[in-house]
Amino acid sequence: MTVNGWLSDAALRLAPVIGPAVAARELRLILRKATGWSSAQLGVAGGTTLPAPARAAADAMVLRRLAREPLAQIFGEWGFFGRSFRVTRATLVPRPDTETLVELALAEPFARLIDLGTGSGAIAVTLLAERPEARGLASDISADALAVAADNAQRHGVAGRLAFVQADWWAGLDGSFDLVVSNPPYVSQADYVGLAPEITLWEPRGALTPGGDGLSAYRAILAPITAFLCPGGRCLVEIGEAQGPAVAGLFRAAGLDDVVLHADINGKDRVVSGRKPSGRMGG
């Protein structure tokens, strides 16, 4: 079977499940993974016979995709901010929307950061990889997620500057940070039931929704925030697009100044940032 023949046959199976455009894009990614070819090589290989081992590997990946397993978990890794991160069912798949938070964090200097609910470690690892002089702490309630994050820290050469701790938000933690970042679970219970099967069947529920109105993680993060931020230190959190006013209110109630809503690449509210006043030394 030629490459184009395989793409055509596979599309007949996958397109009804995830849509023609998404299927066409993902099938080419599957073939690249199965063959080891570059995008350019695949582009000129349409009439080439697909090697049997590559076809078998690609067919197996299509079967997994038909079960709505995310492509990132099938591949075992996914790109974020120009780097590849290991992902498993214990972690969320890093998403382009979260790069907005990273860009904002990098807009000012920082020496010591904490990433609360680190998951795959994509945020903390990226920030330290971009700022070789900085150090950090990454926490998560899931030991399995922390193992993935530690592997990603090793993969990208920041393991010596990033410590890991199993914790439920701030419980048992101490220290002072000039940057606090988090992409916490924020999907409301009502919204969670309407998410795609790739999310509800395959990604960790606890990393997506805290239940209720979706705001409980922000309350836990922000209530003691001034006890952990250095004077002038910043806090940045990812939010759902309709949560900006409510989360900004929690920032102000916690005593943070310069509270700003930031849009993502699609123009939707995605990050709230705030700063501890320079004159305040504690909570």
Protein backbone atom coordinates (compact mmCIF):
# COMPACT_ATOMS: atom_id res chain seq x y z
CA MET A 1 0.00 0.00 0.00
CA THR A 2 1.26 3.47 -0.87
CA VAL A 3 1.42 6.35 1.57
CA ASN A 4 -1.49 8.10 -0.15
CA GLY A 5 -3.48 4.87 -0.15
CA TRP A 6 -2.98 4.44 3.56
CA LEU A 7 -3.94 8.06 4.25
CA SER A 8 -7.11 7.67 2.22
CA ASP A 9 -8.17 4.42 3.88
CA ALA A 10 -7.36 5.66 7.38
CA ALA A 11 -9.29 8.89 6.78
CA LEU A 12 -12.42 6.88 5.93
CA ARG A 13 -12.27 5.42 9.44
CA LEU A 14 -11.11 8.40 11.47
CA ALA A 15 -12.85 11.36 9.81
CA PRO A 16 -16.37 10.36 10.95
CA VAL A 17 -15.10 10.29 14.54
CA ILE A 18 -13.04 13.49 14.82
CA GLY A 19 -13.86 15.39 11.63
CA PRO A 20 -12.16 15.46 8.21
CA ALA A 21 -9.79 18.38 8.81
CA VAL A 22 -8.53 17.12 12.17
CA ALA A 23 -8.24 13.58 10.85
CA ALA A 24 -6.18 14.68 7.84
CA ARG A 25 -3.77 16.61 10.05
CA GLU A 26 -3.44 13.89 12.69
CA LEU A 27 -2.97 11.07 10.21
CA ARG A 28 0.04 12.83 8.73
CA LEU A 29 1.46 13.23 12.24
CA ILE A 30 0.84 9.53 12.87
CA LEU A 31 2.69 8.60 9.69
CA ARG A 32 5.62 10.82 10.61
CA LYS A 33 5.78 9.15 14.01
CA ALA A 34 5.54 5.66 12.51
CA THR A 35 8.13 6.22 9.78
CA GLY A 36 10.47 8.76 11.37
CA TRP A 37 10.12 10.91 8.27
CA SER A 38 10.18 14.69 8.33
CA SER A 39 7.24 16.71 7.09
CA ALA A 40 9.12 17.38 3.86
CA GLN A 41 9.89 13.69 3.36
CA LEU A 42 6.26 12.76 3.89
CA GLY A 43 5.19 15.48 1.50
CA VAL A 44 6.96 13.84 -1.44
CA ALA A 45 6.31 10.22 -0.47
CA GLY A 46 2.70 9.92 -1.63
CA GLY A 47 3.37 7.21 -4.21
CA THR A 48 5.94 5.38 -2.10
CA THR A 49 5.07 1.97 -0.69
CA LEU A 50 4.62 2.27 3.07
CA PRO A 51 7.08 -0.10 4.81
CA ALA A 52 5.28 -2.93 6.60
CA PRO A 53 6.60 -2.13 10.10
CA ALA A 54 5.60 1.52 9.72
CA ARG A 55 2.16 0.54 8.45
CA ALA A 56 1.62 -1.75 11.43
CA ALA A 57 2.68 0.96 13.85
CA ALA A 58 0.46 3.54 12.15
CA ASP A 59 -2.54 1.18 12.11
CA ALA A 60 -2.11 0.56 15.85
CA MET A 61 -2.07 4.31 16.52
CA VAL A 62 -5.22 4.82 14.47
CA LEU A 63 -7.01 2.16 16.52
CA ARG A 64 -6.05 4.01 19.70
CA ARG A 65 -7.22 7.31 18.21
CA LEU A 66 -10.56 5.73 17.29
CA ALA A 67 -10.96 5.03 21.01
CA ARG A 68 -10.57 8.83 21.46
CA GLU A 69 -7.16 8.56 23.10
CA PRO A 70 -5.40 11.92 22.61
CA LEU A 71 -2.60 11.96 20.09
CA ALA A 72 -0.23 13.30 22.76
CA GLN A 73 -0.75 10.22 24.92
CA ILE A 74 -0.40 7.91 21.94
CA PHE A 75 2.93 9.54 21.11
CA GLY A 76 3.92 9.83 24.78
CA GLU A 77 5.06 13.42 24.28
CA TRP A 78 3.81 16.78 23.08
CA GLY A 79 5.26 20.12 22.09
CA PHE A 80 5.08 23.21 24.28
CA PHE A 81 6.96 26.48 23.81
CA GLY A 82 9.34 24.89 21.33
CA ARG A 83 10.19 21.86 23.46
CA SER A 84 8.87 18.31 23.66
CA PHE A 85 7.42 17.15 26.98
CA ARG A 86 6.64 13.64 28.12
CA VAL A 87 2.95 13.17 28.93
CA THR A 88 0.99 10.29 30.45
CA ARG A 89 -2.53 9.74 31.73
CA ALA A 90 -1.36 11.27 35.02
CA THR A 91 -0.92 14.70 33.42
CA LEU A 92 -2.74 17.17 31.26
CA VAL A 93 -1.59 17.57 27.68
CA PRO A 94 0.28 20.91 27.45
CA ARG A 95 -1.81 23.35 25.43
CA PRO A 96 -0.89 26.39 23.34
CA ASP A 97 -3.19 28.59 25.44
CA THR A 98 -0.89 28.06 28.43
CA GLU A 99 2.03 29.57 26.52
CA THR A 100 0.37 32.93 27.22
CA LEU A 101 1.14 32.47 30.92
CA VAL A 102 4.76 31.57 30.16
CA GLU A 103 5.24 34.61 27.93
CA LEU A 104 3.86 36.91 30.62
CA ALA A 105 6.05 35.33 33.29
CA LEU A 106 9.12 35.84 31.11
CA ALA A 107 8.29 39.51 30.57
CA GLU A 108 9.96 40.41 33.90
CA PRO A 109 12.99 39.04 35.76
CA PHE A 110 12.57 36.41 38.48
CA ALA A 111 15.02 34.49 40.62
CA ARG A 112 12.85 31.97 42.49
CA LEU A 113 9.54 30.59 41.28
CA ILE A 114 6.95 28.10 42.43
CA ASP A 115 4.61 26.26 40.07
CA LEU A 116 1.56 25.03 41.99
CA GLY A 117 -0.10 21.95 40.48
CA THR A 118 2.74 21.45 38.03
CA GLY A 119 1.38 18.36 36.20
CA SER A 120 3.83 17.55 33.40
CA GLY A 121 6.09 20.35 34.62
CA ALA A 122 5.75 22.16 31.28
CA ILE A 123 5.41 25.61 32.85
CA ALA A 124 8.16 25.37 35.46
CA VAL A 125 10.61 23.54 33.20
CA THR A 126 10.07 26.01 30.37
CA LEU A 127 10.55 29.03 32.62
CA LEU A 128 13.80 27.69 34.07
CA ALA A 129 15.05 26.60 30.64
CA GLU A 130 14.46 30.15 29.42
CA ARG A 131 16.04 31.73 32.52
CA PRO A 132 19.24 29.77 33.36
CA GLU A 133 19.95 31.87 36.45
CA ALA A 134 16.59 31.13 38.12
CA ARG A 135 15.64 28.32 40.50
CA GLY A 136 12.27 26.88 41.36
CA LEU A 137 9.94 24.56 43.21
CA ALA A 138 7.17 22.54 41.55
CA SER A 139 4.34 20.99 43.55
CA ASP A 140 1.51 18.62 42.77
CA ILE A 141 -0.84 16.46 44.79
CA SER A 142 -0.17 13.55 42.39
CA ALA A 143 3.02 11.55 42.87
CA ASP A 144 2.61 10.12 39.36
CA ALA A 145 2.46 13.61 37.86
CA LEU A 146 5.55 14.66 39.81
CA ALA A 147 7.46 11.69 38.38
CA VAL A 148 6.60 12.86 34.86
CA ALA A 149 7.58 16.44 35.71
CA ALA A 150 10.91 15.30 37.13
CA ASP A 151 11.60 13.37 33.94
CA ASN A 152 10.84 16.47 31.88
CA ALA A 153 13.15 18.54 34.07
CA GLN A 154 15.92 16.06 33.39
CA ARG A 155 15.10 16.00 29.68
CA HIS A 156 15.53 19.76 29.40
CA GLY A 157 18.53 20.22 31.64
CA VAL A 158 16.92 22.02 34.60
CA ALA A 159 16.77 19.17 37.14
CA GLY A 160 19.52 20.73 39.22
CA ARG A 161 17.54 23.94 39.61
CA LEU A 162 14.02 22.59 40.10
CA ALA A 163 12.88 20.81 43.26
CA PHE A 164 9.65 18.82 43.54
CA VAL A 165 7.27 18.35 46.43
CA GLN A 166 3.99 16.49 46.81
CA ALA A 167 1.53 18.94 48.32
CA ASP A 168 -2.08 20.06 48.25
CA TRP A 169 -1.55 23.67 47.14
CA TRP A 170 0.32 25.45 49.96
CA ALA A 171 -0.16 22.75 52.62
CA GLY A 172 3.17 22.06 54.32
CA LEU A 173 5.11 24.50 52.14
CA ASP A 174 7.15 27.50 53.17
CA GLY A 175 9.55 29.89 51.50
CA SER A 176 9.46 33.16 49.64
CA PHE A 177 9.07 33.49 45.88
CA ASP A 178 9.19 36.37 43.45
CA LEU A 179 7.04 34.44 40.96
CA VAL A 180 4.05 32.19 41.65
CA VAL A 181 2.49 30.46 38.63
CA SER A 182 -0.29 27.95 38.30
CA ASN A 183 -2.59 26.34 35.76
CA PRO A 184 -5.00 24.88 38.32
CA PRO A 185 -8.16 22.84 37.73
CA TYR A 186 -10.77 25.44 36.84
CA VAL A 187 -13.51 23.78 34.77
CA SER A 188 -16.84 23.95 36.58
CA GLN A 189 -18.74 20.74 37.26
CA ALA A 190 -21.45 21.83 34.81
CA ASP A 191 -18.95 22.50 32.01
CA TYR A 192 -16.90 19.35 32.61
CA VAL A 193 -19.67 16.99 31.51
CA GLY A 194 -19.74 18.67 28.09
CA LEU A 195 -16.03 18.28 27.32
CA ALA A 196 -14.73 16.05 24.55
CA PRO A 197 -14.09 12.35 25.25
CA GLU A 198 -10.37 12.92 24.62
CA ILE A 199 -10.46 14.96 27.82
CA THR A 200 -13.01 13.26 30.06
CA LEU A 201 -11.92 9.68 29.26
CA TRP A 202 -8.16 10.15 29.14
CA GLU A 203 -6.94 13.17 31.11
CA PRO A 204 -6.91 13.30 34.94
CA ARG A 205 -10.22 14.65 36.18
CA GLY A 206 -8.63 16.24 39.24
CA ALA A 207 -6.33 18.34 37.07
CA LEU A 208 -9.30 19.69 35.12
CA THR A 209 -12.14 20.34 37.53
CA PRO A 210 -12.37 20.93 41.28
CA GLY A 211 -16.14 20.57 40.99
CA GLY A 212 -18.66 23.23 41.90
CA ASP A 213 -18.10 26.64 40.35
CA GLY A 214 -14.53 25.84 39.30
CA LEU A 215 -13.01 28.53 41.53
CA SER A 216 -11.98 26.59 44.64
CA ALA A 217 -8.36 26.14 43.52
CA TYR A 218 -7.97 29.91 43.08
CA ARG A 219 -9.34 30.46 46.57
CA ALA A 220 -6.80 28.00 47.97
CA ILE A 221 -3.92 29.55 46.04
CA LEU A 222 -4.75 33.18 46.75
CA ALA A 223 -5.93 33.18 50.36
CA PRO A 224 -2.37 32.99 51.79
CA ILE A 225 -0.53 34.36 48.75
CA THR A 226 1.06 37.39 50.40
CA ALA A 227 2.77 35.13 52.94
CA PHE A 228 4.69 33.44 50.10
CA LEU A 229 5.35 36.30 47.69
CA CYS A 230 8.33 38.60 48.05
CA PRO A 231 7.47 42.32 48.11
CA GLY A 232 6.86 43.25 44.49
CA GLY A 233 6.56 39.57 43.53
CA ARG A 234 4.07 38.43 40.93
CA CYS A 235 1.35 35.80 40.75
CA LEU A 236 0.01 34.54 37.40
CA VAL A 237 -2.74 31.94 36.97
CA GLU A 238 -4.47 30.48 33.95
CA ILE A 239 -8.26 30.83 33.89
CA GLY A 240 -11.29 29.80 31.88
CA GLU A 241 -12.50 32.48 29.50
CA ALA A 242 -15.52 33.50 31.64
CA GLN A 243 -13.70 33.49 34.99
CA GLY A 244 -11.67 36.69 34.66
CA PRO A 245 -13.77 39.04 36.79
CA ALA A 246 -14.26 36.50 39.58
CA VAL A 247 -10.58 35.54 39.76
CA ALA A 248 -9.46 39.17 39.53
CA GLY A 249 -11.71 39.85 42.50
CA LEU A 250 -9.98 37.08 44.45
CA PHE A 251 -6.61 38.63 43.60
CA ARG A 252 -7.70 42.00 44.96
CA ALA A 253 -9.30 40.47 48.05
CA ALA A 254 -5.98 38.70 48.76
CA GLY A 255 -4.19 42.07 48.83
CA LEU A 256 -2.56 42.03 45.39
CA ASP A 257 -2.18 45.14 43.26
CA ASP A 258 -1.78 45.73 39.51
CA VAL A 259 -4.40 43.07 38.78
CA VAL A 260 -4.71 42.56 35.02
CA LEU A 261 -6.64 40.21 32.72
CA HIS A 262 -4.64 38.96 29.73
CA ALA A 263 -6.02 37.44 26.52
CA ASP A 264 -4.63 34.34 24.80
CA ILE A 265 -3.80 33.84 21.12
CA ASN A 266 -7.51 33.53 20.37
CA GLY A 267 -8.43 36.79 22.09
CA LYS A 268 -10.06 35.07 25.08
CA ASP A 269 -9.28 35.95 28.70
CA ARG A 270 -6.67 33.37 29.73
CA VAL A 271 -4.42 34.70 32.52
CA VAL A 272 -4.87 36.88 35.58
CA SER A 273 -1.77 38.54 37.01
CA GLY A 274 -1.20 40.55 40.16
CA ARG A 275 1.62 41.83 42.31
CA LYS A 276 2.30 42.01 46.02
CA PRO A 277 2.77 45.64 47.09
CA SER A 278 6.42 46.40 47.68
CA GLY A 279 5.86 47.59 51.23
CA ARG A 280 4.19 44.40 52.50
CA MET A 281 6.46 41.84 54.12
CA GLY A 282 4.00 39.16 55.17
CA GLY A 283 0.48 37.82 54.96
